[in-house]
Amino acid sequence: MQPFYIKSQRLAGFLMMRGFVLHSMKMDINSRRNIFLFTKSDELLEAIETYKQIKQTKEDATNGKSREIRTQN
């Protein structure tokens, strides 16, 4: 098993909702954030890329709406 560590709780939840198994969770002493341990695989990396694309699409949509509202005033 090759470990893959994640510090984002939202990403960890996204992965678990898609069937990836959370093996362990620990606290990072320096940042006081949770660290989530998954098994590294090609499927996991693809799911992370999907998460990034969804997140970027939502940010783009939010930013676009903000600009439209500002330009209409």
C-alpha atoms as a PDB file:
ATOM      1  CA  MET A   1       0.000   0.000   0.000  1.00  0.00           C
ATOM      2  CA  GLN A   2       1.402   3.353  -1.034  1.00  0.00           C
ATOM      3  CA  PRO A   3      -0.042   6.077   1.231  1.00  0.00           C
ATOM      4  CA  PHE A   4      -1.549   9.294  -0.054  1.00  0.00           C
ATOM      5  CA  TYR A   5      -2.085  12.101   2.456  1.00  0.00           C
ATOM      6  CA  ILE A   6      -4.720  14.800   2.083  1.00  0.00           C
ATOM      7  CA  LYS A   7      -5.232  17.881   4.273  1.00  0.00           C
ATOM      8  CA  SER A   8      -8.561  18.999   2.804  1.00  0.00           C
ATOM      9  CA  GLN A   9     -11.606  17.718   4.667  1.00  0.00           C
ATOM     10  CA  ARG A  10     -13.833  18.529   1.689  1.00  0.00           C
ATOM     11  CA  LEU A  11     -11.640  16.557  -0.691  1.00  0.00           C
ATOM     12  CA  ALA A  12     -11.521  13.635   1.756  1.00  0.00           C
ATOM     13  CA  GLY A  13     -15.328  13.668   1.938  1.00  0.00           C
ATOM     14  CA  PHE A  14     -15.568  13.851  -1.853  1.00  0.00           C
ATOM     15  CA  LEU A  15     -13.329  10.801  -2.155  1.00  0.00           C
ATOM     16  CA  MET A  16     -15.215   8.819   0.491  1.00  0.00           C
ATOM     17  CA  MET A  17     -18.523   9.594  -1.240  1.00  0.00           C
ATOM     18  CA  ARG A  18     -17.030   8.000  -4.331  1.00  0.00           C
ATOM     19  CA  GLY A  19     -16.103   4.823  -2.485  1.00  0.00           C
ATOM     20  CA  PHE A  20     -12.469   5.424  -1.554  1.00  0.00           C
ATOM     21  CA  VAL A  21     -11.572   4.021   1.853  1.00  0.00           C
ATOM     22  CA  LEU A  22     -10.192   6.317   4.537  1.00  0.00           C
ATOM     23  CA  HIS A  23      -7.483   4.287   6.263  1.00  0.00           C
ATOM     24  CA  SER A  24      -6.486   6.703   8.979  1.00  0.00           C
ATOM     25  CA  MET A  25      -6.861  10.245  10.206  1.00  0.00           C
ATOM     26  CA  LYS A  26      -4.309  12.173  12.244  1.00  0.00           C
ATOM     27  CA  MET A  27      -3.735  15.700  13.468  1.00  0.00           C
ATOM     28  CA  ASP A  28      -0.914  17.738  11.941  1.00  0.00           C
ATOM     29  CA  ILE A  29       0.813  19.214  14.986  1.00  0.00           C
ATOM     30  CA  ASN A  30       2.146  22.281  13.141  1.00  0.00           C
ATOM     31  CA  SER A  31      -1.004  23.406  11.343  1.00  0.00           C
ATOM     32  CA  ARG A  32      -3.529  21.763  13.730  1.00  0.00           C
ATOM     33  CA  ARG A  33      -5.349  20.411  10.666  1.00  0.00           C
ATOM     34  CA  ASN A  34      -6.529  16.866  10.095  1.00  0.00           C
ATOM     35  CA  ILE A  35      -4.556  14.678   7.726  1.00  0.00           C
ATOM     36  CA  PHE A  36      -6.493  11.978   5.889  1.00  0.00           C
ATOM     37  CA  LEU A  37      -4.734   8.822   4.678  1.00  0.00           C
ATOM     38  CA  PHE A  38      -5.904   7.017   1.541  1.00  0.00           C
ATOM     39  CA  THR A  39      -4.272   4.386  -0.649  1.00  0.00           C
ATOM     40  CA  LYS A  40      -2.618   5.963  -3.687  1.00  0.00           C
ATOM     41  CA  SER A  41      -3.973   4.666  -6.996  1.00  0.00           C
ATOM     42  CA  ASP A  42      -4.597   5.914 -10.505  1.00  0.00           C
ATOM     43  CA  GLU A  43      -8.329   6.014  -9.722  1.00  0.00           C
ATOM     44  CA  LEU A  44      -7.713   8.161  -6.650  1.00  0.00           C
ATOM     45  CA  LEU A  45      -5.599  10.617  -8.634  1.00  0.00           C
ATOM     46  CA  GLU A  46      -8.284  10.805 -11.335  1.00  0.00           C
ATOM     47  CA  ALA A  47     -10.927  11.522  -8.693  1.00  0.00           C
ATOM     48  CA  ILE A  48      -8.763  14.302  -7.254  1.00  0.00           C
ATOM     49  CA  GLU A  49      -8.442  15.843 -10.715  1.00  0.00           C
ATOM     50  CA  THR A  50     -12.232  15.644 -11.104  1.00  0.00           C
ATOM     51  CA  TYR A  51     -12.616  17.410  -7.741  1.00  0.00           C
ATOM     52  CA  LYS A  52     -10.238  20.164  -8.847  1.00  0.00           C
ATOM     53  CA  GLN A  53     -12.160  20.659 -12.102  1.00  0.00           C
ATOM     54  CA  ILE A  54     -15.501  20.858 -10.279  1.00  0.00           C
ATOM     55  CA  LYS A  55     -14.067  23.298  -7.750  1.00  0.00           C
ATOM     56  CA  GLN A  56     -12.593  25.486 -10.518  1.00  0.00           C
ATOM     57  CA  THR A  57     -15.860  25.448 -12.475  1.00  0.00           C
ATOM     58  CA  LYS A  58     -17.775  26.595  -9.377  1.00  0.00           C
ATOM     59  CA  GLU A  59     -15.235  29.351  -8.693  1.00  0.00           C
ATOM     60  CA  ASP A  60     -15.403  30.510 -12.311  1.00  0.00           C
ATOM     61  CA  ALA A  61     -19.204  30.582 -12.192  1.00  0.00           C
ATOM     62  CA  THR A  62     -19.187  32.549  -8.938  1.00  0.00           C
ATOM     63  CA  ASN A  63     -16.624  35.044 -10.207  1.00  0.00           C
ATOM     64  CA  GLY A  64     -18.512  35.501 -13.460  1.00  0.00           C
ATOM     65  CA  LYS A  65     -21.743  36.304 -11.627  1.00  0.00           C
ATOM     66  CA  SER A  66     -19.989  38.808  -9.410  1.00  0.00           C
ATOM     67  CA  ARG A  67     -18.559  40.609 -12.431  1.00  0.00           C
ATOM     68  CA  GLU A  68     -21.948  40.704 -14.172  1.00  0.00           C
ATOM     69  CA  ILE A  69     -23.603  42.242 -11.128  1.00  0.00           C
ATOM     70  CA  ARG A  70     -20.872  44.876 -10.759  1.00  0.00           C
ATOM     71  CA  THR A  71     -21.020  45.860 -14.427  1.00  0.00           C
ATOM     72  CA  GLN A  72     -24.802  46.214 -14.364  1.00  0.00           C
ATOM     73  CA  ASN A  73     -24.728  48.856 -11.600  1.00  0.00           C
END
